């Protein structure tokens, strides 16, 4: 699993020819095994088994991490009470 993300990082770094902007952006990626990560290198979309999810980009890592919890079901939401009073 760690090798996949190491390969992703290496391929993105090597494949990136654009200059790095002065401000940082963050992205959420999901691997084929459903593992989600927040990364600071934009996925190109050419990586096999890696999909960018969530917003186009996040201005802070904290905002991306907050969305990871919702998008990747890393934290179970509290059960909701329906209008019929069950639960």
N, C-alpha and C. Protein backbone atom coordinates (compact mmCIF):
# COMPACT_ATOMS: atom_id res chain seq x y z
N UNK A 1 0.83 -1.18 0.00
CA UNK A 1 0.00 0.00 0.00
C UNK A 1 0.88 1.25 0.00
N UNK A 2 1.91 1.28 0.84
CA UNK A 2 2.77 2.44 0.90
C UNK A 2 3.56 2.61 -0.39
N UNK A 3 3.86 1.47 -1.06
CA UNK A 3 4.59 1.55 -2.32
C UNK A 3 3.77 2.27 -3.38
N UNK A 4 2.45 2.03 -3.39
CA UNK A 4 1.59 2.68 -4.38
C UNK A 4 1.65 4.19 -4.24
N UNK A 5 1.55 4.65 -2.99
CA UNK A 5 1.55 6.09 -2.79
C UNK A 5 2.93 6.69 -3.01
N UNK A 6 3.98 5.91 -2.74
CA UNK A 6 5.32 6.37 -3.05
C UNK A 6 5.50 6.50 -4.56
N UNK A 7 4.96 5.53 -5.28
CA UNK A 7 5.02 5.59 -6.74
C UNK A 7 4.20 6.76 -7.26
N UNK A 8 3.04 7.00 -6.66
CA UNK A 8 2.22 8.14 -7.06
C UNK A 8 2.99 9.43 -6.86
N UNK A 9 3.57 9.58 -5.69
CA UNK A 9 4.31 10.81 -5.40
C UNK A 9 5.48 10.98 -6.37
N UNK A 10 6.21 9.91 -6.62
CA UNK A 10 7.35 9.98 -7.53
C UNK A 10 6.90 10.32 -8.95
N UNK A 11 5.81 9.71 -9.41
CA UNK A 11 5.36 9.98 -10.77
C UNK A 11 4.82 11.39 -10.92
N UNK A 12 4.17 11.89 -9.89
CA UNK A 12 3.66 13.26 -9.95
C UNK A 12 4.82 14.25 -9.93
N UNK A 13 5.80 13.99 -9.08
CA UNK A 13 6.95 14.89 -9.00
C UNK A 13 7.72 14.89 -10.32
N UNK A 14 7.99 13.71 -10.85
CA UNK A 14 8.73 13.62 -12.09
C UNK A 14 7.94 14.12 -13.29
N UNK A 15 6.64 13.92 -13.26
CA UNK A 15 5.80 14.33 -14.38
C UNK A 15 5.42 15.78 -14.35
N UNK A 16 5.68 16.45 -13.27
CA UNK A 16 5.30 17.86 -13.14
C UNK A 16 6.39 18.74 -13.72
N UNK A 17 6.03 19.50 -14.75
CA UNK A 17 7.01 20.39 -15.35
C UNK A 17 6.66 21.85 -15.09
N UNK A 18 5.49 22.10 -14.50
CA UNK A 18 5.08 23.47 -14.20
C UNK A 18 5.78 23.97 -12.95
N UNK A 19 5.98 25.27 -12.89
CA UNK A 19 6.59 25.87 -11.71
C UNK A 19 5.62 25.78 -10.53
N UNK A 20 6.16 25.62 -9.35
CA UNK A 20 5.34 25.53 -8.15
C UNK A 20 4.85 26.93 -7.79
N UNK A 21 3.54 27.09 -7.59
CA UNK A 21 3.04 28.40 -7.22
C UNK A 21 3.49 28.78 -5.81
N UNK A 22 3.42 30.08 -5.50
CA UNK A 22 3.86 30.58 -4.20
C UNK A 22 2.94 30.12 -3.08
N UNK A 23 1.71 29.81 -3.38
CA UNK A 23 0.76 29.36 -2.36
C UNK A 23 0.57 27.86 -2.48
N UNK A 24 0.22 27.24 -1.37
CA UNK A 24 0.04 25.79 -1.35
C UNK A 24 -1.41 25.43 -1.61
N UNK A 25 -1.62 24.34 -2.29
CA UNK A 25 -2.95 23.77 -2.48
C UNK A 25 -2.88 22.31 -2.06
N UNK A 26 -4.04 21.78 -1.72
CA UNK A 26 -4.12 20.41 -1.23
C UNK A 26 -5.22 19.69 -1.98
N UNK A 27 -5.06 18.38 -2.17
CA UNK A 27 -6.03 17.55 -2.88
C UNK A 27 -6.28 16.28 -2.08
N UNK A 28 -7.45 15.69 -2.32
CA UNK A 28 -7.76 14.40 -1.71
C UNK A 28 -7.71 13.36 -2.82
N UNK A 29 -6.99 12.28 -2.59
CA UNK A 29 -6.94 11.18 -3.56
C UNK A 29 -7.41 9.90 -2.89
N UNK A 30 -8.02 9.04 -3.69
CA UNK A 30 -8.47 7.72 -3.22
C UNK A 30 -7.83 6.67 -4.12
N UNK A 31 -7.24 5.65 -3.48
CA UNK A 31 -6.63 4.57 -4.24
C UNK A 31 -7.66 3.51 -4.56
N UNK A 32 -7.27 2.56 -5.38
CA UNK A 32 -8.18 1.49 -5.76
C UNK A 32 -8.59 0.62 -4.57
N UNK A 33 -7.81 0.64 -3.49
CA UNK A 33 -8.18 -0.12 -2.28
C UNK A 33 -8.98 0.74 -1.30
N UNK A 34 -9.50 1.88 -1.78
CA UNK A 34 -10.38 2.78 -1.02
C UNK A 34 -9.66 3.57 0.07
N UNK A 35 -8.34 3.60 0.08
CA UNK A 35 -7.60 4.40 1.04
C UNK A 35 -7.56 5.83 0.54
N UNK A 36 -7.82 6.79 1.44
CA UNK A 36 -7.81 8.20 1.07
C UNK A 36 -6.62 8.90 1.72
N UNK A 37 -6.05 9.85 1.00
CA UNK A 37 -4.93 10.65 1.49
C UNK A 37 -5.10 12.09 1.07
N UNK A 38 -4.58 12.99 1.87
CA UNK A 38 -4.48 14.40 1.50
C UNK A 38 -3.05 14.60 1.00
N UNK A 39 -2.92 15.16 -0.21
CA UNK A 39 -1.61 15.34 -0.81
C UNK A 39 -1.42 16.79 -1.22
N UNK A 40 -0.16 17.21 -1.30
CA UNK A 40 0.13 18.58 -1.69
C UNK A 40 0.67 18.68 -3.12
N UNK A 41 0.57 17.59 -3.85
CA UNK A 41 0.95 17.55 -5.26
C UNK A 41 -0.28 17.17 -6.05
N UNK A 42 -0.68 18.01 -7.00
CA UNK A 42 -1.92 17.76 -7.73
C UNK A 42 -1.83 16.49 -8.58
N UNK A 43 -2.78 15.58 -8.41
CA UNK A 43 -2.81 14.39 -9.26
C UNK A 43 -3.08 14.79 -10.71
N UNK A 44 -2.42 14.11 -11.61
CA UNK A 44 -2.57 14.45 -13.03
C UNK A 44 -3.75 13.74 -13.68
N UNK A 45 -4.25 12.68 -13.03
CA UNK A 45 -5.32 11.90 -13.61
C UNK A 45 -4.81 10.75 -14.46
N UNK A 46 -3.50 10.67 -14.63
CA UNK A 46 -2.90 9.61 -15.42
C UNK A 46 -2.42 8.43 -14.58
N UNK A 47 -2.46 8.59 -13.24
CA UNK A 47 -2.01 7.53 -12.35
C UNK A 47 -3.05 6.42 -12.30
N UNK A 48 -2.63 5.19 -12.48
CA UNK A 48 -3.56 4.06 -12.43
C UNK A 48 -3.96 3.79 -10.99
N UNK A 49 -5.25 3.60 -10.77
CA UNK A 49 -5.75 3.25 -9.46
C UNK A 49 -5.86 4.40 -8.49
N UNK A 50 -5.63 5.64 -8.95
CA UNK A 50 -5.70 6.81 -8.08
C UNK A 50 -6.73 7.77 -8.67
N UNK A 51 -7.66 8.23 -7.83
CA UNK A 51 -8.68 9.17 -8.28
C UNK A 51 -8.70 10.38 -7.35
N UNK A 52 -8.76 11.56 -7.95
CA UNK A 52 -8.91 12.79 -7.16
C UNK A 52 -10.38 12.91 -6.81
N UNK A 53 -10.68 13.17 -5.53
CA UNK A 53 -12.06 13.31 -5.09
C UNK A 53 -12.21 14.63 -4.33
N UNK A 54 -13.44 15.00 -4.03
CA UNK A 54 -13.68 16.23 -3.29
C UNK A 54 -13.63 17.44 -4.19
N UNK A 55 -13.33 18.58 -3.59
CA UNK A 55 -13.24 19.84 -4.33
C UNK A 55 -12.06 19.79 -5.29
N UNK A 56 -12.04 20.75 -6.21
CA UNK A 56 -10.92 20.82 -7.15
C UNK A 56 -9.60 20.95 -6.41
N UNK A 57 -9.56 21.81 -5.39
CA UNK A 57 -8.40 21.92 -4.51
C UNK A 57 -8.84 22.57 -3.21
N UNK A 58 -7.99 22.46 -2.19
CA UNK A 58 -8.27 23.02 -0.88
C UNK A 58 -7.15 23.99 -0.52
N UNK A 59 -7.48 25.13 0.06
CA UNK A 59 -6.42 26.10 0.41
C UNK A 59 -5.57 25.67 1.61
N UNK A 60 -6.12 24.81 2.48
CA UNK A 60 -5.35 24.34 3.64
C UNK A 60 -5.50 22.83 3.78
N UNK A 61 -4.52 22.22 4.40
CA UNK A 61 -4.56 20.78 4.66
C UNK A 61 -5.70 20.45 5.63
N UNK A 62 -5.97 21.36 6.56
CA UNK A 62 -7.03 21.13 7.54
C UNK A 62 -8.39 21.03 6.87
N UNK A 63 -8.65 21.88 5.87
CA UNK A 63 -9.93 21.81 5.15
C UNK A 63 -10.04 20.51 4.38
N UNK A 64 -8.95 20.08 3.78
CA UNK A 64 -8.96 18.81 3.05
C UNK A 64 -9.18 17.65 4.01
N UNK A 65 -8.53 17.66 5.16
CA UNK A 65 -8.69 16.60 6.15
C UNK A 65 -10.14 16.52 6.64
N UNK A 66 -10.78 17.67 6.80
CA UNK A 66 -12.19 17.68 7.24
C UNK A 66 -13.07 16.99 6.21
N UNK A 67 -12.82 17.23 4.92
CA UNK A 67 -13.59 16.58 3.87
C UNK A 67 -13.27 15.09 3.75
N UNK A 68 -12.03 14.70 4.04
CA UNK A 68 -11.66 13.28 4.00
C UNK A 68 -12.56 12.49 4.94
N UNK A 69 -12.81 13.04 6.11
CA UNK A 69 -13.63 12.34 7.10
C UNK A 69 -15.05 12.12 6.58
N UNK A 70 -15.56 13.05 5.78
CA UNK A 70 -16.90 12.90 5.22
C UNK A 70 -16.90 12.04 3.95
N UNK A 71 -15.96 12.30 3.06
CA UNK A 71 -15.95 11.62 1.76
C UNK A 71 -15.49 10.17 1.84
N UNK A 72 -14.63 9.87 2.78
CA UNK A 72 -14.04 8.53 2.83
C UNK A 72 -14.56 7.71 3.99
N UNK A 73 -15.57 8.18 4.67
CA UNK A 73 -16.20 7.45 5.77
C UNK A 73 -15.20 7.00 6.82
N UNK A 74 -14.19 7.83 7.09
CA UNK A 74 -13.22 7.48 8.12
C UNK A 74 -13.81 7.65 9.51
N UNK A 75 -14.81 8.48 9.64
CA UNK A 75 -15.50 8.58 10.93
C UNK A 75 -16.96 8.29 10.69
N UNK A 76 -17.53 7.46 11.51
CA UNK A 76 -18.93 7.08 11.36
C UNK A 76 -19.81 8.22 11.86
N UNK A 77 -20.78 8.66 11.05
CA UNK A 77 -21.67 9.72 11.52
C UNK A 77 -22.58 9.20 12.62
N UNK A 78 -23.00 10.11 13.47
CA UNK A 78 -23.93 9.76 14.54
C UNK A 78 -25.25 9.33 13.91
N UNK A 79 -25.92 8.33 14.49
CA UNK A 79 -27.20 7.91 13.94
C UNK A 79 -28.21 9.05 14.02
N UNK A 80 -28.97 9.21 12.96
CA UNK A 80 -29.98 10.26 12.91
C UNK A 80 -31.32 9.69 13.32
N UNK A 81 -32.08 10.48 14.04
CA UNK A 81 -33.43 10.09 14.43
C UNK A 81 -34.38 10.52 13.34
N UNK A 82 -35.22 9.60 12.88
CA UNK A 82 -36.18 9.97 11.84
C UNK A 82 -37.44 10.56 12.49
N UNK A 83 -38.32 11.10 11.67
CA UNK A 83 -39.51 11.79 12.18
C UNK A 83 -40.51 10.83 12.79
N UNK A 84 -40.36 9.54 12.58
CA UNK A 84 -41.31 8.55 13.12
C UNK A 84 -40.95 8.15 14.54
N UNK A 85 -39.83 8.64 15.04
CA UNK A 85 -39.45 8.37 16.42
C UNK A 85 -38.70 7.08 16.62
N UNK A 86 -38.35 6.36 15.57
CA UNK A 86 -37.57 5.13 15.75
C UNK A 86 -36.13 5.50 16.08
N UNK A 87 -35.46 4.63 16.78
CA UNK A 87 -34.08 4.79 17.26
C UNK A 87 -34.07 5.62 18.45
